[in-house]
Amino acid sequence: MRYIIIGAGAVGGTVGGRLAGSGHEVVLVARGAHHAALRDDGLRLRVPEGELTYRLPVVDGPAPLGELREDDVLVLAVKTQDTEAALEAWGPAPVEGGGTAAERLPLLCAQNGVEGQRLALRRFRHVYGVCVWLPATFVEPGLVSAAGSPLTGILHLGVYPHGTDETARQIAADLEKSRFEAPVVPDLARWQYAKLLANLANAVEAVTGPVESEEASAFVDRVQAEGAAVLDAAGIPYASTEEQRAMRGDKITLLPLDGTPRGGGSSWQSLTRGTGSIEADYLNGEITLLGRLHGIPTPLNELLQHLANTFARERRGAGSMPLVELVRLAGEI
């Protein structure tokens, strides 16, 4: 199978680079300065064993590829707020032998949150969800860093909305040859909602910086407890902290990488790159939505959703709000 990585940032670049490193055919999709850097200098993947360079085909959309191949796998790794544009571009792409990508090809949604795959199912017949646990950083065009060792990440896979099939197992086999663990599970949503609760901290990190102090951890605990209460009220099951810890074990240890900025996760990176958008509407905003649907107040997640969007829109610096100010604003609700 050929893997077309739509959004070759932190997650997409790492997955694409690792697949290429284990001998799989990979195409990277990127825009702007990142596209230019990948085209001119290759994908630089900084990992514990050193900096690896992969010179791979790079495109900014489906047109340069002509007809897609019958054995293509589309890996959607853009942020959720960019999902619609990506689906609109790639869904109608022709496939050799007839039909379109939306009709014939598998689409893997390797994204945070739970909304991207639902959006995808409106257009694509064959949608697969991925629960992404892959610590990676992308803040410089052409360079992606992933500090995990001995595994780079853990990627639960499943058919969306539920189930498994042979395609998922084939993809998982390729990933497991590429320094990932890739369990194929029929109940993927349980893992994704557990990851959603963890990702509620992304906005805290983006606005106030890395969650390192006891005070910051205590605030995150309150935000996540609010999220868990909403999921419970909605009757949505999620893997427990203990189950996640047992699954991960000591498979991924984060090692220091020379030259890699110490910062934060995907939302922090969006602010650092000054993209003008952030995924808070699909993380904290998912909790806000479910809370409104089920009559559960979500003041902390609403606040974080608002602040993260304001920071992105106004291009404020990542981590530029003191934690004490965030706690004060939360106390005024």
Protein backbone atom coordinates (compact mmCIF):
# COMPACT_ATOMS: atom_id res chain seq x y z
CA MET A 1 0.00 0.00 0.00
CA ARG A 2 1.05 3.59 -0.63
CA TYR A 3 0.40 6.00 2.24
CA ILE A 4 -0.64 9.57 1.39
CA ILE A 5 -0.13 11.69 4.50
CA ILE A 6 -2.56 14.61 4.31
CA GLY A 7 -1.02 17.06 6.77
CA ALA A 8 2.65 16.20 7.28
CA GLY A 9 3.02 18.03 10.59
CA ALA A 10 3.89 16.57 13.98
CA VAL A 11 1.73 13.44 13.76
CA GLY A 12 1.62 13.08 9.99
CA GLY A 13 5.32 13.78 9.51
CA THR A 14 6.29 11.28 12.18
CA VAL A 15 4.01 8.54 10.86
CA GLY A 16 5.11 9.22 7.28
CA GLY A 17 8.78 9.27 8.16
CA ARG A 18 8.63 6.08 10.20
CA LEU A 19 6.67 4.27 7.46
CA ALA A 20 9.20 5.41 4.86
CA GLY A 21 12.03 4.29 7.11
CA SER A 22 10.65 0.76 7.19
CA GLY A 23 10.41 0.60 3.41
CA HIS A 24 6.85 1.72 2.70
CA GLU A 25 5.92 4.07 -0.11
CA VAL A 26 4.86 7.46 1.25
CA VAL A 27 3.63 10.74 -0.22
CA LEU A 28 3.56 13.87 1.95
CA VAL A 29 0.94 16.59 1.62
CA ALA A 30 1.78 20.03 2.99
CA ARG A 31 1.32 23.73 2.32
CA GLY A 32 3.32 26.94 2.30
CA ALA A 33 6.78 27.10 3.83
CA HIS A 34 6.54 23.52 5.12
CA HIS A 35 5.79 22.25 1.60
CA ALA A 36 8.76 24.17 0.22
CA ALA A 37 11.12 22.85 2.90
CA LEU A 38 9.99 19.25 2.40
CA ARG A 39 10.34 19.60 -1.38
CA ASP A 40 13.77 21.21 -1.29
CA ASP A 41 15.46 19.53 1.68
CA GLY A 42 13.37 16.46 2.49
CA LEU A 43 11.60 15.57 5.71
CA ARG A 44 13.96 15.92 8.65
CA LEU A 45 12.75 13.58 11.39
CA ARG A 46 14.56 14.11 14.69
CA VAL A 47 14.25 11.01 16.88
CA PRO A 48 16.27 9.42 19.70
CA GLU A 49 18.57 7.61 17.26
CA GLY A 50 19.46 10.88 15.51
CA GLU A 51 18.16 13.13 12.74
CA LEU A 52 16.94 11.19 9.72
CA THR A 53 16.22 12.74 6.33
CA TYR A 54 13.63 11.30 3.97
CA ARG A 55 13.35 12.65 0.44
CA LEU A 56 9.77 11.77 -0.40
CA PRO A 57 7.26 12.98 -2.99
CA VAL A 58 5.59 16.15 -1.72
CA VAL A 59 2.37 17.64 -3.07
CA ASP A 60 -0.06 20.35 -1.98
CA GLY A 61 -3.18 18.50 -3.17
CA PRO A 62 -4.30 15.54 -5.25
CA ALA A 63 -3.87 17.06 -8.73
CA PRO A 64 -0.08 16.49 -9.06
CA LEU A 65 -0.60 12.77 -8.42
CA GLY A 66 -3.02 12.30 -11.29
CA GLU A 67 -5.21 9.24 -10.78
CA LEU A 68 -4.79 7.79 -7.29
CA ARG A 69 -3.87 4.13 -7.00
CA GLU A 70 -6.20 1.36 -5.91
CA ASP A 71 -3.81 0.50 -3.08
CA ASP A 72 -3.58 4.06 -1.71
CA VAL A 73 -4.35 4.74 1.94
CA LEU A 74 -5.22 8.33 2.84
CA VAL A 75 -4.02 9.35 6.29
CA LEU A 76 -5.82 12.51 7.42
CA ALA A 77 -3.54 14.20 9.94
CA VAL A 78 -4.62 17.83 9.67
CA LYS A 79 -6.11 19.60 12.67
CA THR A 80 -9.87 19.10 12.95
CA GLN A 81 -10.60 22.71 11.99
CA ASP A 82 -8.92 21.99 8.62
CA THR A 83 -10.77 18.72 8.01
CA GLU A 84 -13.55 20.01 5.77
CA ALA A 85 -11.13 21.65 3.35
CA ALA A 86 -9.04 18.48 3.14
CA LEU A 87 -12.08 16.25 2.58
CA GLU A 88 -13.40 18.58 -0.11
CA ALA A 89 -10.05 18.46 -1.92
CA TRP A 90 -9.36 14.73 -1.70
CA GLY A 91 -12.83 13.18 -1.81
CA PRO A 92 -13.44 13.77 -5.56
CA ALA A 93 -9.92 12.70 -6.59
CA PRO A 94 -10.14 10.05 -9.34
CA VAL A 95 -8.87 6.54 -8.71
CA GLU A 96 -7.46 4.25 -11.39
CA GLY A 97 -10.12 1.86 -12.64
CA GLY A 98 -12.95 4.30 -11.97
CA GLY A 99 -14.61 6.02 -9.06
CA THR A 100 -13.28 8.53 -6.55
CA ALA A 101 -11.23 8.46 -3.39
CA ALA A 102 -14.37 9.06 -1.33
CA GLU A 103 -16.01 6.01 -2.91
CA ARG A 104 -13.12 3.59 -2.94
CA LEU A 105 -10.14 4.40 -0.73
CA PRO A 106 -9.64 3.95 3.02
CA LEU A 107 -9.32 7.17 4.99
CA LEU A 108 -7.58 7.07 8.39
CA CYS A 109 -8.40 10.00 10.68
CA ALA A 110 -5.22 10.39 12.77
CA GLN A 111 -6.49 13.39 14.72
CA ASN A 112 -7.23 14.57 18.22
CA GLY A 113 -10.85 14.64 19.33
CA VAL A 114 -13.75 12.69 17.86
CA GLU A 115 -15.32 15.00 15.27
CA GLY A 116 -12.98 14.60 12.30
CA GLN A 117 -14.02 11.03 11.54
CA ARG A 118 -17.70 11.97 11.79
CA LEU A 119 -17.14 14.74 9.25
CA ALA A 120 -15.26 12.26 7.06
CA LEU A 121 -18.10 9.73 7.07
CA ARG A 122 -20.36 12.28 5.38
CA ARG A 123 -18.11 12.11 2.30
CA PHE A 124 -16.05 8.89 2.50
CA ARG A 125 -17.46 5.36 2.56
CA HIS A 126 -14.46 3.71 4.22
CA VAL A 127 -13.45 5.66 7.32
CA TYR A 128 -11.10 4.45 10.05
CA GLY A 129 -10.46 6.14 13.37
CA VAL A 130 -7.11 6.38 15.11
CA CYS A 131 -6.51 7.12 18.77
CA VAL A 132 -3.21 8.96 18.55
CA TRP A 133 -0.76 8.72 21.43
CA LEU A 134 2.34 10.08 19.74
CA PRO A 135 4.41 12.78 21.46
CA ALA A 136 5.78 14.86 18.58
CA THR A 137 6.70 18.46 17.79
CA PHE A 138 6.43 20.55 14.65
CA VAL A 139 7.33 24.24 14.90
CA GLU A 140 9.92 24.66 12.11
CA PRO A 141 9.24 24.04 8.39
CA GLY A 142 10.66 20.73 7.25
CA LEU A 143 11.52 19.48 10.74
CA VAL A 144 9.47 17.12 12.90
CA SER A 145 10.65 15.72 16.24
CA ALA A 146 9.42 12.63 18.07
CA ALA A 147 11.11 11.81 21.37
CA GLY A 148 9.50 8.44 22.19
CA SER A 149 11.61 5.32 22.75
CA PRO A 150 11.67 2.37 22.23
CA LEU A 151 8.30 2.91 20.53
CA THR A 152 7.58 6.19 18.76
CA GLY A 153 3.87 6.02 19.55
CA ILE A 154 0.77 3.92 20.15
CA LEU A 155 -1.98 4.15 17.53
CA HIS A 156 -5.21 2.29 18.26
CA LEU A 157 -7.09 1.61 15.01
CA GLY A 158 -10.67 0.69 14.22
CA VAL A 159 -13.39 1.00 11.63
CA TYR A 160 -15.53 4.08 12.25
CA PRO A 161 -18.01 4.07 13.89
CA HIS A 162 -17.16 0.62 15.24
CA GLY A 163 -15.67 -2.73 14.29
CA THR A 164 -12.52 -4.08 12.64
CA ASP A 165 -11.62 -5.42 9.22
CA GLU A 166 -8.73 -6.78 7.18
CA THR A 167 -7.71 -3.34 5.90
CA ALA A 168 -7.25 -2.08 9.46
CA ARG A 169 -5.16 -5.16 10.27
CA GLN A 170 -2.96 -4.66 7.19
CA ILE A 171 -2.35 -1.01 8.09
CA ALA A 172 -1.62 -1.98 11.69
CA ALA A 173 0.94 -4.53 10.50
CA ASP A 174 2.74 -1.83 8.50
CA LEU A 175 2.73 0.53 11.48
CA GLU A 176 4.05 -2.15 13.81
CA LYS A 177 7.05 -2.60 11.48
CA SER A 178 7.64 1.15 11.81
CA ARG A 179 8.19 1.61 15.59
CA PHE A 180 4.54 1.90 16.54
CA GLU A 181 2.21 -0.29 18.49
CA ALA A 182 -1.08 -0.41 16.60
CA PRO A 183 -3.83 -2.41 18.33
CA VAL A 184 -6.90 -3.01 16.14
CA VAL A 185 -9.92 -2.72 18.42
CA PRO A 186 -13.69 -2.88 17.86
CA ASP A 187 -14.37 -0.24 20.54
CA LEU A 188 -12.04 2.52 19.38
CA ALA A 189 -14.30 5.26 20.76
CA ARG A 190 -13.48 4.21 24.35
CA TRP A 191 -9.84 5.05 23.75
CA GLN A 192 -10.59 8.22 21.82
CA TYR A 193 -12.80 9.67 24.54
CA ALA A 194 -10.15 8.86 27.15
CA LYS A 195 -7.63 10.70 24.98
CA LEU A 196 -10.10 13.59 24.64
CA LEU A 197 -10.12 13.99 28.42
CA ALA A 198 -6.32 14.15 28.41
CA ASN A 199 -6.36 16.68 25.55
CA LEU A 200 -8.50 19.08 27.60
CA ALA A 201 -5.16 20.16 29.10
CA ASN A 202 -3.94 21.33 25.69
CA ALA A 203 -5.60 24.73 26.04
CA VAL A 204 -4.15 25.23 29.53
CA GLU A 205 -0.70 24.47 28.15
CA ALA A 206 -1.21 26.70 25.12
CA VAL A 207 -2.36 29.67 27.18
CA THR A 208 -0.13 29.39 30.28
CA GLY A 209 2.74 27.09 29.25
CA PRO A 210 3.77 23.53 30.20
CA VAL A 211 1.77 21.98 33.02
CA GLU A 212 4.56 21.40 35.53
CA SER A 213 3.59 22.98 38.85
CA GLU A 214 1.22 21.52 41.43
CA GLU A 215 -1.07 24.48 40.88
CA ALA A 216 -1.25 23.87 37.13
CA SER A 217 -1.85 20.15 37.62
CA ALA A 218 -4.62 20.86 40.10
CA PHE A 219 -6.32 23.19 37.62
CA VAL A 220 -6.07 20.58 34.85
CA ASP A 221 -7.60 18.01 37.22
CA ARG A 222 -10.62 20.28 37.64
CA VAL A 223 -10.96 20.75 33.87
CA GLN A 224 -10.77 17.02 33.24
CA ALA A 225 -13.19 16.21 36.07
CA GLU A 226 -15.68 18.54 34.42
CA GLY A 227 -15.16 16.66 31.15
CA ALA A 228 -15.57 13.25 32.79
CA ALA A 229 -18.83 14.37 34.41
CA VAL A 230 -20.17 15.34 30.99
CA LEU A 231 -19.17 12.02 29.39
CA ASP A 232 -20.78 10.16 32.28
CA ALA A 233 -23.99 12.16 31.90
CA ALA A 234 -24.00 11.46 28.16
CA GLY A 235 -23.49 7.74 28.76
CA ILE A 236 -20.24 7.73 26.79
CA PRO A 237 -17.76 5.07 27.98
CA TYR A 238 -14.03 5.79 28.09
CA ALA A 239 -10.95 3.82 29.07
CA SER A 240 -9.87 4.42 32.66
CA THR A 241 -6.58 6.01 33.63
CA GLU A 242 -5.48 2.66 35.03
CA GLU A 243 -6.32 0.85 31.80
CA GLN A 244 -4.39 3.40 29.76
CA ARG A 245 -1.40 3.20 32.08
CA ALA A 246 -1.37 -0.59 31.93
CA MET A 247 -1.55 -0.52 28.14
CA ARG A 248 1.30 1.96 27.75
CA GLY A 249 3.53 0.52 30.44
CA ASP A 250 7.14 1.49 29.74
CA LYS A 251 6.78 1.23 25.96
CA ILE A 252 7.33 4.95 25.37
CA THR A 253 9.90 6.96 27.29
CA LEU A 254 10.51 10.55 26.20
CA LEU A 255 14.21 11.20 25.66
CA PRO A 256 15.83 14.63 25.27
CA LEU A 257 16.51 15.58 21.66
CA ASP A 258 19.29 18.05 20.88
CA GLY A 259 18.02 21.21 19.25
CA THR A 260 14.35 20.50 19.87
CA PRO A 261 12.50 23.30 21.67
CA ARG A 262 10.94 22.33 24.97
CA GLY A 263 7.36 23.43 24.78
CA GLY A 264 4.09 21.61 24.55
CA GLY A 265 1.56 19.65 22.56
CA SER A 266 -0.41 20.33 19.41
CA SER A 267 -2.30 23.43 20.59
CA TRP A 268 0.86 25.03 22.01
CA GLN A 269 2.56 24.33 18.69
CA SER A 270 -0.26 26.00 16.73
CA LEU A 271 0.21 29.20 18.74
CA THR A 272 4.00 28.97 18.44
CA ARG A 273 3.73 28.71 14.65
CA GLY A 274 1.20 31.56 14.57
CA THR A 275 -1.25 29.63 12.40
CA GLY A 276 -4.22 31.78 13.39
CA SER A 277 -6.32 28.75 14.35
CA ILE A 278 -6.40 26.16 17.11
CA GLU A 279 -8.28 22.91 17.79
CA ALA A 280 -9.96 23.98 21.04
CA ASP A 281 -13.45 23.93 19.49
CA TYR A 282 -13.06 20.17 19.03
CA LEU A 283 -11.43 19.42 22.40
CA ASN A 284 -12.76 21.67 25.16
CA GLY A 285 -15.54 22.60 22.73
CA GLU A 286 -16.62 18.95 22.47
CA ILE A 287 -17.17 18.95 26.23
CA THR A 288 -18.99 22.28 25.97
CA LEU A 289 -21.27 20.86 23.29
CA LEU A 290 -22.05 17.65 25.19
CA GLY A 291 -22.62 19.65 28.37
CA ARG A 292 -25.20 21.83 26.64
CA LEU A 293 -26.89 18.80 25.10
CA HIS A 294 -27.18 17.04 28.45
CA GLY A 295 -27.71 19.96 30.81
CA ILE A 296 -24.30 19.81 32.53
CA PRO A 297 -22.48 23.11 33.22
CA THR A 298 -18.98 23.29 31.72
CA PRO A 299 -17.64 26.70 32.79
CA LEU A 300 -13.94 25.78 32.84
CA ASN A 301 -13.95 24.21 29.39
CA GLU A 302 -15.98 27.09 27.99
CA LEU A 303 -13.41 29.52 29.39
CA LEU A 304 -10.48 27.59 27.93
CA GLN A 305 -12.20 27.27 24.56
CA HIS A 306 -12.73 31.04 24.48
CA LEU A 307 -9.19 31.88 25.60
CA ALA A 308 -7.50 29.46 23.20
CA ASN A 309 -9.49 30.82 20.25
CA THR A 310 -8.73 34.39 21.27
CA PHE A 311 -5.01 33.65 21.55
CA ALA A 312 -5.02 32.02 18.10
CA ARG A 313 -7.07 34.73 16.44
CA GLU A 314 -4.96 37.54 17.93
CA ARG A 315 -1.73 35.56 17.48
CA ARG A 316 -0.73 35.93 21.10
CA GLY A 317 2.35 34.09 22.24
CA ALA A 318 2.03 30.55 23.54
CA GLY A 319 2.17 30.43 27.32
CA SER A 320 1.93 34.21 27.69
CA MET A 321 -0.86 34.26 30.31
CA PRO A 322 0.30 33.71 33.91
CA LEU A 323 -1.39 30.72 35.52
CA VAL A 324 -2.56 32.92 38.38
CA GLU A 325 -4.51 35.01 35.87
CA LEU A 326 -6.19 31.93 34.40
CA VAL A 327 -7.15 30.74 37.88
CA ARG A 328 -8.50 34.20 38.68
CA LEU A 329 -10.65 34.23 35.55
CA ALA A 330 -11.95 30.76 36.39
CA GLY A 331 -12.88 31.98 39.86
CA GLU A 332 -14.98 34.79 38.41
CA ILE A 333 -17.27 32.42 36.51
